Amino acid sequence: DLPDGLQDRLAEREGRLGYINGFLAVGLHH
């Protein structure tokens, strides 16, 4: 349900790091 701009940024981070940091994961509720 995330906006495209945010989905793209998360996909870039996941591609670069292989994970999403916990702060962002929890923050995705906002």
Full PDB file with SEQRES, HELIX, SHEET, SSBOND, CRYST1, ORIGX, SCALE, CONECT and MASTER records, all heavy atoms in Angstrom:
SEQRES   1 A   30  ASP LEU PRO ASP GLY LEU GLN ASP ARG LEU ALA GLU ARG          
SEQRES   2 A   30  GLU GLY ARG LEU GLY TYR ILE ASN GLY PHE LEU ALA VAL          
SEQRES   3 A   30  GLY LEU HIS HIS                                              
HELIX    1 AA1 ASP A    4  LEU A   17  1                                  14    
HELIX    2 AA2 GLY A   22  GLY A   27  1                                   6    
CRYST1    1.000    1.000    1.000  90.00  90.00  90.00 P 1           1          
ORIGX1      1.000000  0.000000  0.000000        0.00000                         
ORIGX2      0.000000  1.000000  0.000000        0.00000                         
ORIGX3      0.000000  0.000000  1.000000        0.00000                         
SCALE1      1.000000  0.000000  0.000000        0.00000                         
SCALE2      0.000000  1.000000  0.000000        0.00000                         
SCALE3      0.000000  0.000000  1.000000        0.00000                         
ATOM      1  N   ASP A   1       0.794  -1.223   0.000  1.00  0.00           N  
ATOM      2  CA  ASP A   1       0.000   0.000   0.000  1.00  0.00           C  
ATOM      3  C   ASP A   1       0.831   1.280   0.000  1.00  0.00           C  
ATOM      4  O   ASP A   1       0.277   2.359   0.177  1.00  0.00           O  
ATOM      5  CB  ASP A   1      -0.929   0.009   1.222  1.00  0.00           C  
ATOM      6  CG  ASP A   1      -1.948  -1.118   1.170  1.00  0.00           C  
ATOM      7  OD1 ASP A   1      -2.379  -1.478   0.062  1.00  0.00           O  
ATOM      8  OD2 ASP A   1      -2.298  -1.632   2.243  1.00  0.00           O  
ATOM      9  N   LEU A   2       2.125   1.180  -0.187  1.00  0.00           N  
ATOM     10  CA  LEU A   2       2.968   2.376  -0.145  1.00  0.00           C  
ATOM     11  C   LEU A   2       2.912   3.144  -1.453  1.00  0.00           C  
ATOM     12  O   LEU A   2       2.729   2.559  -2.521  1.00  0.00           O  
ATOM     13  CB  LEU A   2       4.424   1.984   0.147  1.00  0.00           C  
ATOM     14  CG  LEU A   2       4.694   1.356   1.500  1.00  0.00           C  
ATOM     15  CD1 LEU A   2       6.165   0.975   1.614  1.00  0.00           C  
ATOM     16  CD2 LEU A   2       4.305   2.297   2.630  1.00  0.00           C  
ATOM     17  N   PRO A   3       3.122   4.461  -1.382  1.00  0.00           N  
ATOM     18  CA  PRO A   3       3.208   5.236  -2.618  1.00  0.00           C  
ATOM     19  C   PRO A   3       4.400   4.778  -3.457  1.00  0.00           C  
ATOM     20  O   PRO A   3       5.410   4.307  -2.915  1.00  0.00           O  
ATOM     21  CB  PRO A   3       3.418   6.674  -2.136  1.00  0.00           C  
ATOM     22  CG  PRO A   3       3.315   6.664  -0.658  1.00  0.00           C  
ATOM     23  CD  PRO A   3       3.288   5.251  -0.186  1.00  0.00           C  
ATOM     24  N   ASP A   4       4.284   4.914  -4.786  1.00  0.00           N  
ATOM     25  CA  ASP A   4       5.338   4.438  -5.685  1.00  0.00           C  
ATOM     26  C   ASP A   4       6.717   4.992  -5.348  1.00  0.00           C  
ATOM     27  O   ASP A   4       7.701   4.271  -5.359  1.00  0.00           O  
ATOM     28  CB  ASP A   4       5.008   4.785  -7.138  1.00  0.00           C  
ATOM     29  CG  ASP A   4       3.931   3.878  -7.696  1.00  0.00           C  
ATOM     30  OD1 ASP A   4       3.659   2.833  -7.082  1.00  0.00           O  
ATOM     31  OD2 ASP A   4       3.362   4.229  -8.741  1.00  0.00           O  
ATOM     32  N   GLY A   5       6.821   6.277  -5.042  1.00  0.00           N  
ATOM     33  CA  GLY A   5       8.124   6.863  -4.739  1.00  0.00           C  
ATOM     34  C   GLY A   5       8.806   6.183  -3.570  1.00  0.00           C  
ATOM     35  O   GLY A   5      10.012   5.961  -3.575  1.00  0.00           O  
ATOM     36  N   LEU A   6       8.028   5.825  -2.572  1.00  0.00           N  
ATOM     37  CA  LEU A   6       8.591   5.160  -1.404  1.00  0.00           C  
ATOM     38  C   LEU A   6       8.918   3.707  -1.713  1.00  0.00           C  
ATOM     39  O   LEU A   6       9.959   3.194  -1.294  1.00  0.00           O  
ATOM     40  CB  LEU A   6       7.626   5.265  -0.219  1.00  0.00           C  
ATOM     41  CG  LEU A   6       8.117   4.715   1.114  1.00  0.00           C  
ATOM     42  CD1 LEU A   6       9.492   5.253   1.482  1.00  0.00           C  
ATOM     43  CD2 LEU A   6       7.114   5.028   2.209  1.00  0.00           C  
ATOM     44  N   GLN A   7       8.066   3.031  -2.466  1.00  0.00           N  
ATOM     45  CA  GLN A   7       8.353   1.649  -2.861  1.00  0.00           C  
ATOM     46  C   GLN A   7       9.668   1.587  -3.637  1.00  0.00           C  
ATOM     47  O   GLN A   7      10.490   0.702  -3.410  1.00  0.00           O  
ATOM     48  CB  GLN A   7       7.216   1.084  -3.694  1.00  0.00           C  
ATOM     49  CG  GLN A   7       5.974   0.765  -2.895  1.00  0.00           C  
ATOM     50  CD  GLN A   7       4.908   0.087  -3.731  1.00  0.00           C  
ATOM     51  OE1 GLN A   7       5.127  -0.284  -4.869  1.00  0.00           O  
ATOM     52  NE2 GLN A   7       3.725  -0.069  -3.160  1.00  0.00           N  
ATOM     53  N   ASP A   8       9.871   2.531  -4.535  1.00  0.00           N  
ATOM     54  CA  ASP A   8      11.098   2.554  -5.335  1.00  0.00           C  
ATOM     55  C   ASP A   8      12.322   2.771  -4.455  1.00  0.00           C  
ATOM     56  O   ASP A   8      13.351   2.111  -4.635  1.00  0.00           O  
ATOM     57  CB  ASP A   8      11.036   3.637  -6.406  1.00  0.00           C  
ATOM     58  CG  ASP A   8       9.989   3.343  -7.459  1.00  0.00           C  
ATOM     59  OD1 ASP A   8       9.567   2.170  -7.585  1.00  0.00           O  
ATOM     60  OD2 ASP A   8       9.583   4.291  -8.159  1.00  0.00           O  
ATOM     61  N   ARG A   9      12.216   3.681  -3.501  1.00  0.00           N  
ATOM     62  CA  ARG A   9      13.359   3.942  -2.609  1.00  0.00           C  
ATOM     63  C   ARG A   9      13.671   2.726  -1.743  1.00  0.00           C  
ATOM     64  O   ARG A   9      14.828   2.407  -1.497  1.00  0.00           O  
ATOM     65  CB  ARG A   9      13.085   5.169  -1.755  1.00  0.00           C  
ATOM     66  CG  ARG A   9      13.227   6.445  -2.560  1.00  0.00           C  
ATOM     67  CD  ARG A   9      13.319   7.624  -1.642  1.00  0.00           C  
ATOM     68  NE  ARG A   9      13.819   8.760  -2.384  1.00  0.00           N  
ATOM     69  CZ  ARG A   9      13.106   9.842  -2.620  1.00  0.00           C  
ATOM     70  NH1 ARG A   9      11.875   9.935  -2.176  1.00  0.00           N  
ATOM     71  NH2 ARG A   9      13.634  10.844  -3.286  1.00  0.00           N  
ATOM     72  N   LEU A  10      12.633   2.059  -1.260  1.00  0.00           N  
ATOM     73  CA  LEU A  10      12.862   0.851  -0.456  1.00  0.00           C  
ATOM     74  C   LEU A  10      13.465  -0.265  -1.296  1.00  0.00           C  
ATOM     75  O   LEU A  10      14.337  -1.001  -0.840  1.00  0.00           O  
ATOM     76  CB  LEU A  10      11.561   0.381   0.182  1.00  0.00           C  
ATOM     77  CG  LEU A  10      10.991   1.273   1.271  1.00  0.00           C  
ATOM     78  CD1 LEU A  10       9.646   0.740   1.728  1.00  0.00           C  
ATOM     79  CD2 LEU A  10      11.949   1.403   2.437  1.00  0.00           C  
ATOM     80  N   ALA A  11      13.006  -0.397  -2.531  1.00  0.00           N  
ATOM     81  CA  ALA A  11      13.555  -1.415  -3.430  1.00  0.00           C  
ATOM     82  C   ALA A  11      15.040  -1.145  -3.694  1.00  0.00           C  
ATOM     83  O   ALA A  11      15.854  -2.073  -3.717  1.00  0.00           O  
ATOM     84  CB  ALA A  11      12.781  -1.448  -4.741  1.00  0.00           C  
ATOM     85  N   GLU A  12      15.400   0.120  -3.837  1.00  0.00           N  
ATOM     86  CA  GLU A  12      16.810   0.472  -4.054  1.00  0.00           C  
ATOM     87  C   GLU A  12      17.641   0.089  -2.838  1.00  0.00           C  
ATOM     88  O   GLU A  12      18.706  -0.504  -2.964  1.00  0.00           O  
ATOM     89  CB  GLU A  12      16.933   1.978  -4.351  1.00  0.00           C  
ATOM     90  CG  GLU A  12      18.343   2.432  -4.670  1.00  0.00           C  
ATOM     91  CD  GLU A  12      19.185   2.711  -3.439  1.00  0.00           C  
ATOM     92  OE1 GLU A  12      18.650   3.167  -2.415  1.00  0.00           O  
ATOM     93  OE2 GLU A  12      20.401   2.427  -3.491  1.00  0.00           O  
ATOM     94  N   ARG A  13      17.145   0.398  -1.651  1.00  0.00           N  
ATOM     95  CA  ARG A  13      17.870   0.054  -0.423  1.00  0.00           C  
ATOM     96  C   ARG A  13      17.988  -1.460  -0.255  1.00  0.00           C  
ATOM     97  O   ARG A  13      19.038  -1.971   0.102  1.00  0.00           O  
ATOM     98  CB  ARG A  13      17.173   0.637   0.809  1.00  0.00           C  
ATOM     99  CG  ARG A  13      17.435   2.086   0.993  1.00  0.00           C  
ATOM    100  CD  ARG A  13      16.654   2.607   2.195  1.00  0.00           C  
ATOM    101  NE  ARG A  13      17.023   3.975   2.420  1.00  0.00           N  
ATOM    102  CZ  ARG A  13      17.821   4.378   3.408  1.00  0.00           C  
ATOM    103  NH1 ARG A  13      18.280   3.518   4.276  1.00  0.00           N  
ATOM    104  NH2 ARG A  13      18.128   5.644   3.531  1.00  0.00           N  
ATOM    105  N   GLU A  14      16.896  -2.151  -0.487  1.00  0.00           N  
ATOM    106  CA  GLU A  14      16.925  -3.611  -0.364  1.00  0.00           C  
ATOM    107  C   GLU A  14      17.903  -4.194  -1.370  1.00  0.00           C  
ATOM    108  O   GLU A  14      18.657  -5.113  -1.051  1.00  0.00           O  
ATOM    109  CB  GLU A  14      15.512  -4.177  -0.572  1.00  0.00           C  
ATOM    110  CG  GLU A  14      15.374  -5.628  -0.173  1.00  0.00           C  
ATOM    111  CD  GLU A  14      15.910  -6.610  -1.193  1.00  0.00           C  
ATOM    112  OE1 GLU A  14      15.928  -6.282  -2.396  1.00  0.00           O  
ATOM    113  OE2 GLU A  14      16.310  -7.713  -0.789  1.00  0.00           O  
ATOM    114  N   GLY A  15      17.933  -3.654  -2.582  1.00  0.00           N  
ATOM    115  CA  GLY A  15      18.867  -4.146  -3.585  1.00  0.00           C  
ATOM    116  C   GLY A  15      20.315  -3.891  -3.214  1.00  0.00           C  
ATOM    117  O   GLY A  15      21.193  -4.711  -3.477  1.00  0.00           O  
ATOM    118  N   ARG A  16      20.572  -2.742  -2.586  1.00  0.00           N  
ATOM    119  CA  ARG A  16      21.939  -2.367  -2.211  1.00  0.00           C  
ATOM    120  C   ARG A  16      22.388  -3.073  -0.935  1.00  0.00           C  
ATOM    121  O   ARG A  16      23.512  -3.567  -0.845  1.00  0.00           O  
ATOM    122  CB  ARG A  16      22.008  -0.852  -2.034  1.00  0.00           C  
ATOM    123  CG  ARG A  16      23.370  -0.308  -1.703  1.00  0.00           C  
ATOM    124  CD  ARG A  16      23.420   1.219  -1.815  1.00  0.00           C  
ATOM    125  NE  ARG A  16      22.269   1.900  -1.268  1.00  0.00           N  
ATOM    126  CZ  ARG A  16      22.144   2.309   0.003  1.00  0.00           C  
ATOM    127  NH1 ARG A  16      23.114   2.085   0.870  1.00  0.00           N  
ATOM    128  NH2 ARG A  16      21.048   2.936   0.403  1.00  0.00           N  
ATOM    129  N   LEU A  17      21.508  -3.152   0.064  1.00  0.00           N  
ATOM    130  CA  LEU A  17      21.886  -3.684   1.371  1.00  0.00           C  
ATOM    131  C   LEU A  17      21.457  -5.126   1.605  1.00  0.00           C  
ATOM    132  O   LEU A  17      22.044  -5.823   2.408  1.00  0.00           O  
ATOM    133  CB  LEU A  17      21.282  -2.810   2.482  1.00  0.00           C  
ATOM    134  CG  LEU A  17      21.664  -1.332   2.477  1.00  0.00           C  
ATOM    135  CD1 LEU A  17      20.845  -0.584   3.518  1.00  0.00           C  
ATOM    136  CD2 LEU A  17      23.146  -1.163   2.712  1.00  0.00           C  
ATOM    137  N   GLY A  18      20.368  -5.543   0.946  1.00  0.00           N  
ATOM    138  CA  GLY A  18      19.826  -6.876   1.173  1.00  0.00           C  
ATOM    139  C   GLY A  18      18.860  -6.940   2.338  1.00  0.00           C  
ATOM    140  O   GLY A  18      18.393  -8.004   2.714  1.00  0.00           O  
ATOM    141  N   TYR A  19      18.549  -5.784   2.942  1.00  0.00           N  
ATOM    142  CA  TYR A  19      17.612  -5.727   4.056  1.00  0.00           C  
ATOM    143  C   TYR A  19      17.076  -4.305   4.175  1.00  0.00           C  
ATOM    144  O   TYR A  19      17.563  -3.382   3.539  1.00  0.00           O  
ATOM    145  CB  TYR A  19      18.264  -6.146   5.375  1.00  0.00           C  
ATOM    146  CG  TYR A  19      19.361  -5.212   5.852  1.00  0.00           C  
ATOM    147  CD1 TYR A  19      19.070  -4.152   6.708  1.00  0.00           C  
ATOM    148  CD2 TYR A  19      20.671  -5.385   5.446  1.00  0.00           C  
ATOM    149  CE1 TYR A  19      20.061  -3.292   7.130  1.00  0.00           C  
ATOM    150  CE2 TYR A  19      21.671  -4.536   5.867  1.00  0.00           C  
ATOM    151  CZ  TYR A  19      21.366  -3.486   6.710  1.00  0.00           C  
ATOM    152  OH  TYR A  19      22.349  -2.633   7.129  1.00  0.00           O  
ATOM    153  N   ILE A  20      16.071  -4.135   5.001  1.00  0.00           N  
ATOM    154  CA  ILE A  20      15.543  -2.826   5.366  1.00  0.00           C  
ATOM    155  C   ILE A  20      15.843  -2.653   6.850  1.00  0.00           C  
ATOM    156  O   ILE A  20      15.594  -3.562   7.639  1.00  0.00           O  
ATOM    157  CB  ILE A  20      14.011  -2.763   5.144  1.00  0.00           C  
ATOM    158  CG1 ILE A  20      13.663  -3.014   3.679  1.00  0.00           C  
ATOM    159  CG2 ILE A  20      13.438  -1.439   5.623  1.00  0.00           C  
ATOM    160  CD1 ILE A  20      14.172  -1.989   2.719  1.00  0.00           C  
ATOM    161  N   ASN A  21      16.374  -1.483   7.245  1.00  0.00           N  
ATOM    162  CA  ASN A  21      16.689  -1.351   8.668  1.00  0.00           C  
ATOM    163  C   ASN A  21      15.418  -1.278   9.495  1.00  0.00           C  
ATOM    164  O   ASN A  21      14.347  -0.924   9.015  1.00  0.00           O  
ATOM    165  CB  ASN A  21      17.660  -0.199   8.947  1.00  0.00           C  
ATOM    166  CG  ASN A  21      17.057   1.173   8.814  1.00  0.00           C  
ATOM    167  OD1 ASN A  21      15.881   1.382   9.061  1.00  0.00           O  
ATOM    168  ND2 ASN A  21      17.874   2.136   8.430  1.00  0.00           N  
ATOM    169  N   GLY A  22      15.535  -1.679  10.744  1.00  0.00           N  
ATOM    170  CA  GLY A  22      14.380  -1.797  11.623  1.00  0.00           C  
ATOM    171  C   GLY A  22      13.624  -0.498  11.809  1.00  0.00           C  
ATOM    172  O   GLY A  22      12.393  -0.481  11.879  1.00  0.00           O  
ATOM    173  N   PHE A  23      14.332   0.616  11.868  1.00  0.00           N  
ATOM    174  CA  PHE A  23      13.679   1.910  12.022  1.00  0.00           C  
ATOM    175  C   PHE A  23      12.732   2.175  10.862  1.00  0.00           C  
ATOM    176  O   PHE A  23      11.585   2.571  11.059  1.00  0.00           O  
ATOM    177  CB  PHE A  23      14.735   3.012  12.116  1.00  0.00           C  
ATOM    178  CG  PHE A  23      14.150   4.389  12.201  1.00  0.00           C  
ATOM    179  CD1 PHE A  23      13.660   4.855  13.412  1.00  0.00           C  
ATOM    180  CD2 PHE A  23      14.086   5.197  11.090  1.00  0.00           C  
ATOM    181  CE1 PHE A  23      13.105   6.133  13.503  1.00  0.00           C  
ATOM    182  CE2 PHE A  23      13.538   6.464  11.165  1.00  0.00           C  
ATOM    183  CZ  PHE A  23      13.050   6.932  12.379  1.00  0.00           C  
ATOM    184  N   LEU A  24      13.201   1.945   9.645  1.00  0.00           N  
ATOM    185  CA  LEU A  24      12.336   2.146   8.476  1.00  0.00           C  
ATOM    186  C   LEU A  24      11.200   1.135   8.444  1.00  0.00           C  
ATOM    187  O   LEU A  24      10.070   1.477   8.108  1.00  0.00           O  
ATOM    188  CB  LEU A  24      13.138   2.053   7.177  1.00  0.00           C  
ATOM    189  CG  LEU A  24      14.088   3.202   6.884  1.00  0.00           C  
ATOM    190  CD1 LEU A  24      14.792   2.969   5.554  1.00  0.00           C  
ATOM    191  CD2 LEU A  24      13.370   4.528   6.885  1.00  0.00           C  
ATOM    192  N   ALA A  25      11.494  -0.104   8.791  1.00  0.00           N  
ATOM    193  CA  ALA A  25      10.460  -1.141   8.751  1.00  0.00           C  
ATOM    194  C   ALA A  25       9.296  -0.781   9.665  1.00  0.00           C  
ATOM    195  O   ALA A  25       8.135  -0.894   9.280  1.00  0.00           O  
ATOM    196  CB  ALA A  25      11.051  -2.499   9.139  1.00  0.00           C  
ATOM    197  N   VAL A  26       9.602  -0.319  10.865  1.00  0.00           N  
ATOM    198  CA  VAL A  26       8.555   0.068  11.798  1.00  0.00           C  
ATOM    199  C   VAL A  26       7.898   1.373  11.346  1.00  0.00           C  
ATOM    200  O   VAL A  26       6.684   1.532  11.404  1.00  0.00           O  
ATOM    201  CB  VAL A  26       9.119   0.196  13.234  1.00  0.00           C  
ATOM    202  CG1 VAL A  26       8.081   0.773  14.178  1.00  0.00           C  
ATOM    203  CG2 VAL A  26       9.592  -1.164  13.725  1.00  0.00           C  
ATOM    204  N   GLY A  27       8.701   2.298  10.835  1.00  0.00           N  
ATOM    205  CA  GLY A  27       8.184   3.581  10.390  1.00  0.00           C  
ATOM    206  C   GLY A  27       7.266   3.508   9.193  1.00  0.00           C  
ATOM    207  O   GLY A  27       6.516   4.457   8.916  1.00  0.00           O  
ATOM    208  N   LEU A  28       7.278   2.404   8.469  1.00  0.00           N  
ATOM    209  CA  LEU A  28       6.445   2.287   7.274  1.00  0.00           C  
ATOM    210  C   LEU A  28       4.952   2.351   7.581  1.00  0.00           C  
ATOM    211  O   LEU A  28       4.140   2.521   6.672  1.00  0.00           O  
ATOM    212  CB  LEU A  28       6.775   1.005   6.513  1.00  0.00           C  
ATOM    213  CG  LEU A  28       8.133   1.020   5.825  1.00  0.00           C  
ATOM    214  CD1 LEU A  28       8.424  -0.333   5.200  1.00  0.00           C  
ATOM    215  CD2 LEU A  28       8.209   2.111   4.783  1.00  0.00           C  
ATOM    216  N   HIS A  29       4.612   2.262   8.855  1.00  0.00           N  
ATOM    217  CA  HIS A  29       3.205   2.466   9.224  1.00  0.00           C  
ATOM    218  C   HIS A  29       2.796   3.921   9.000  1.00  0.00           C  
ATOM    219  O   HIS A  29       1.616   4.236   8.975  1.00  0.00           O  
ATOM    220  CB  HIS A  29       2.963   2.061  10.678  1.00  0.00           C  
ATOM    221  CG  HIS A  29       3.096   0.593  10.907  1.00  0.00           C  
ATOM    222  ND1 HIS A  29       2.162  -0.311  10.454  1.00  0.00           N  
ATOM    223  CD2 HIS A  29       4.067  -0.135  11.512  1.00  0.00           C  
ATOM    224  CE1 HIS A  29       2.539  -1.537  10.788  1.00  0.00           C  
ATOM    225  NE2 HIS A  29       3.685  -1.462  11.424  1.00  0.00           N  
ATOM    226  N   HIS A  30       3.802   4.798   8.841  1.00  0.00           N  
ATOM    227  CA  HIS A  30       3.579   6.223   8.561  1.00  0.00           C  
ATOM    228  C   HIS A  30       4.408   6.585   7.327  1.00  0.00           C  
ATOM    229  O   HIS A  30       5.458   7.218   7.428  1.00  0.00           O  
ATOM    230  CB  HIS A  30       3.983   7.079   9.763  1.00  0.00           C  
ATOM    231  CG  HIS A  30       3.221   6.724  10.989  1.00  0.00           C  
ATOM    232  ND1 HIS A  30       1.916   7.125  11.192  1.00  0.00           N  
ATOM    233  CD2 HIS A  30       3.552   5.975  12.064  1.00  0.00           C  
ATOM    234  CE1 HIS A  30       1.487   6.646  12.338  1.00  0.00           C  
ATOM    235  NE2 HIS A  30       2.453   5.947  12.888  1.00  0.00           N  
TER     236      HIS A  30                                                      
MASTER        0    0    0    2    0    0    0    6  235    1    0    3          
END                                                                             
